[in-house]
Amino acid sequence: MTLQSNRRVRVAALGDLPQSVITSLAPYTDRIELVQERHAGRPLEFDVLLYDSTVPLDAQSLLRALEGAGAPKVARQEEWFGETEGLTPRESQVVALIAGGRTNQQIAEECHVTLNTVKTYIRTAYQKMGVYSRTQAVVWCLGHGLELPDPLDQLPN
């Protein structure tokens, strides 16, 4: 997982930002953006919302708390099978389990979801993959680089 911190934390307040908050954070405009107005009718976009901005504050503590909120850090998972074809991580997992020979019930138990949820993942994955059956899904997976475990490795010794 990689973290990127390439933008400022957007801070808004419930109601108007008091002048004391604006003044306290003014020296940190390279790291904090105070958001107070909507742009062209769009909803207000912010990373952190101050609910009680009337409480006296220490600017350094507030700055650490705002940056620690994680807003400017974008967490990125490693790539998963089928991502470039539009599959979500869960759809990819379900399709890989199908390719590994699991039944819908086994997939539901292994993923801790209901059978109907598994069927929904299968339906949406199949639409994205352009397939209509389990057999076609397995062929698609193998053609797109999914490596299945060797069945002989799973036999008891």
Protein backbone atom coordinates (compact mmCIF):
# COMPACT_ATOMS: atom_id res chain seq x y z
CA MET A 1 0.00 0.00 0.00
CA THR A 2 1.37 3.39 -0.93
CA LEU A 3 0.53 6.73 0.63
CA GLN A 4 0.51 10.03 -1.18
CA SER A 5 0.45 13.38 0.61
CA ASN A 6 0.37 15.85 -2.22
CA ARG A 7 -2.48 18.17 -1.31
CA ARG A 8 -3.67 20.31 1.54
CA VAL A 9 -6.25 19.23 4.10
CA ARG A 10 -9.55 20.98 3.33
CA VAL A 11 -11.13 22.18 6.59
CA ALA A 12 -14.69 23.46 6.97
CA ALA A 13 -16.80 24.27 10.01
CA LEU A 14 -20.39 23.67 10.96
CA GLY A 15 -21.49 27.29 10.61
CA ASP A 16 -18.93 30.03 10.00
CA LEU A 17 -15.28 29.61 10.89
CA PRO A 18 -14.50 31.96 13.78
CA GLN A 19 -11.81 34.56 13.14
CA SER A 20 -9.67 32.98 15.89
CA VAL A 21 -9.50 29.70 13.91
CA ILE A 22 -8.76 31.53 10.66
CA THR A 23 -5.99 33.54 12.34
CA SER A 24 -4.50 30.50 14.09
CA LEU A 25 -4.30 28.49 10.87
CA ALA A 26 -3.25 31.34 8.55
CA PRO A 27 0.50 30.57 8.77
CA TYR A 28 -0.17 27.00 7.59
CA THR A 29 -1.88 27.66 4.26
CA ASP A 30 0.71 25.44 2.57
CA ARG A 31 -0.78 22.50 4.52
CA ILE A 32 -4.34 23.57 5.40
CA GLU A 33 -7.05 25.01 3.13
CA LEU A 34 -9.95 26.70 4.91
CA VAL A 35 -13.12 25.99 2.95
CA GLN A 36 -15.93 28.44 3.59
CA GLU A 37 -17.83 28.92 0.34
CA ARG A 38 -19.55 26.74 -2.21
CA HIS A 39 -18.37 27.08 -5.78
CA ALA A 40 -20.91 27.51 -8.59
CA GLY A 41 -23.71 25.72 -6.76
CA ARG A 42 -21.62 22.61 -6.10
CA PRO A 43 -21.75 21.04 -2.63
CA LEU A 44 -19.12 22.12 -0.15
CA GLU A 45 -16.10 19.80 -0.48
CA PHE A 46 -13.92 19.25 2.58
CA ASP A 47 -11.80 16.61 4.30
CA VAL A 48 -12.38 17.61 7.93
CA LEU A 49 -15.45 19.25 9.46
CA LEU A 50 -15.03 21.16 12.73
CA TYR A 51 -18.21 20.74 14.77
CA ASP A 52 -17.32 23.01 17.66
CA SER A 53 -14.95 25.64 16.39
CA THR A 54 -15.68 28.01 19.29
CA VAL A 55 -13.49 26.10 21.76
CA PRO A 56 -10.12 27.79 22.40
CA LEU A 57 -7.41 25.99 20.47
CA ASP A 58 -3.71 25.54 20.23
CA ALA A 59 -2.80 25.96 16.55
CA GLN A 60 -0.06 23.31 16.62
CA SER A 61 -2.34 20.72 18.24
CA LEU A 62 -5.12 21.47 15.77
CA LEU A 63 -2.69 21.27 12.86
CA ARG A 64 -1.40 17.86 14.02
CA ALA A 65 -4.97 16.61 14.49
CA LEU A 66 -6.08 17.84 11.07
CA GLU A 67 -3.12 16.33 9.28
CA GLY A 68 -3.48 13.15 11.32
CA ALA A 69 -7.05 12.78 10.08
CA GLY A 70 -5.52 11.21 7.02
CA ALA A 71 -7.49 13.25 4.55
CA PRO A 72 -4.63 14.13 2.21
CA LYS A 73 -3.24 10.62 2.26
CA VAL A 74 -4.67 8.47 -0.47
CA ALA A 75 -4.41 4.79 0.35
CA ARG A 76 -3.93 2.64 -2.71
CA GLN A 77 -4.22 -1.11 -2.56
CA GLU A 78 -1.94 -3.21 -4.67
CA GLU A 79 -3.38 -4.26 -8.01
CA TRP A 80 -5.74 -7.22 -8.06
CA PHE A 81 -6.59 -9.72 -10.74
CA GLY A 82 -9.09 -8.25 -13.22
CA GLU A 83 -8.68 -4.64 -12.08
CA THR A 84 -7.75 -3.42 -15.56
CA GLU A 85 -10.90 -5.12 -16.89
CA GLY A 86 -13.06 -3.27 -14.36
CA LEU A 87 -13.56 -5.93 -11.68
CA THR A 88 -13.77 -4.77 -8.09
CA PRO A 89 -11.51 -6.51 -5.56
CA ARG A 90 -14.46 -8.57 -4.27
CA GLU A 91 -15.63 -9.54 -7.77
CA SER A 92 -12.06 -10.58 -8.54
CA GLN A 93 -11.94 -12.72 -5.39
CA VAL A 94 -15.26 -14.40 -6.22
CA VAL A 95 -14.25 -15.10 -9.82
CA ALA A 96 -10.90 -16.53 -8.68
CA LEU A 97 -12.73 -18.82 -6.24
CA ILE A 98 -15.04 -19.96 -9.05
CA ALA A 99 -11.98 -20.69 -11.19
CA GLY A 100 -10.60 -22.67 -8.26
CA GLY A 101 -13.67 -24.91 -8.30
CA ARG A 102 -15.62 -23.53 -5.33
CA THR A 103 -19.42 -23.68 -5.26
CA ASN A 104 -21.48 -20.55 -4.58
CA GLN A 105 -22.19 -21.81 -1.07
CA GLN A 106 -18.48 -22.39 -0.39
CA ILE A 107 -17.69 -18.90 -1.69
CA ALA A 108 -20.37 -17.38 0.56
CA GLU A 109 -18.93 -19.14 3.60
CA GLU A 110 -15.34 -18.28 2.76
CA CYS A 111 -16.14 -14.60 2.08
CA HIS A 112 -18.56 -14.30 5.03
CA VAL A 113 -21.42 -13.06 2.85
CA THR A 114 -24.85 -14.40 1.92
CA LEU A 115 -25.49 -16.68 -1.03
CA ASN A 116 -27.50 -13.91 -2.72
CA THR A 117 -24.55 -11.53 -2.34
CA VAL A 118 -22.29 -14.06 -4.05
CA LYS A 119 -24.80 -14.36 -6.90
CA THR A 120 -24.80 -10.58 -7.27
CA TYR A 121 -20.99 -10.46 -7.45
CA ILE A 122 -21.03 -13.25 -10.03
CA ARG A 123 -23.67 -11.52 -12.15
CA THR A 124 -21.85 -8.17 -12.20
CA ALA A 125 -18.45 -9.78 -12.78
CA TYR A 126 -19.79 -11.88 -15.64
CA GLN A 127 -21.26 -8.76 -17.27
CA LYS A 128 -17.90 -7.00 -17.07
CA MET A 129 -16.07 -10.07 -18.34
CA GLY A 130 -18.54 -10.72 -21.16
CA VAL A 131 -19.17 -14.33 -20.13
CA TYR A 132 -22.34 -16.30 -19.38
CA SER A 133 -21.24 -19.45 -17.56
CA ARG A 134 -18.78 -20.75 -15.00
CA THR A 135 -16.85 -22.56 -17.71
CA GLN A 136 -16.50 -19.36 -19.75
CA ALA A 137 -15.46 -17.51 -16.58
CA VAL A 138 -12.68 -20.04 -15.87
CA VAL A 139 -11.44 -19.81 -19.46
CA TRP A 140 -11.54 -16.00 -19.23
CA CYS A 141 -9.55 -16.10 -15.96
CA LEU A 142 -6.89 -18.37 -17.40
CA GLY A 143 -6.68 -16.22 -20.52
CA HIS A 144 -6.18 -13.12 -18.38
CA GLY A 145 -3.32 -14.53 -16.32
CA LEU A 146 -4.96 -15.98 -13.21
CA GLU A 147 -2.69 -18.68 -11.84
CA LEU A 148 -4.58 -21.50 -10.18
CA PRO A 149 -2.97 -23.65 -7.49
CA ASP A 150 -1.92 -27.13 -8.54
CA PRO A 151 -4.63 -29.57 -7.34
CA LEU A 152 -1.91 -32.08 -6.43
CA ASP A 153 -0.49 -29.60 -3.92
CA GLN A 154 -3.78 -29.73 -2.01
CA LEU A 155 -3.81 -33.50 -1.49
CA PRO A 156 -2.99 -34.72 2.02
CA ASN A 157 0.47 -36.26 2.39
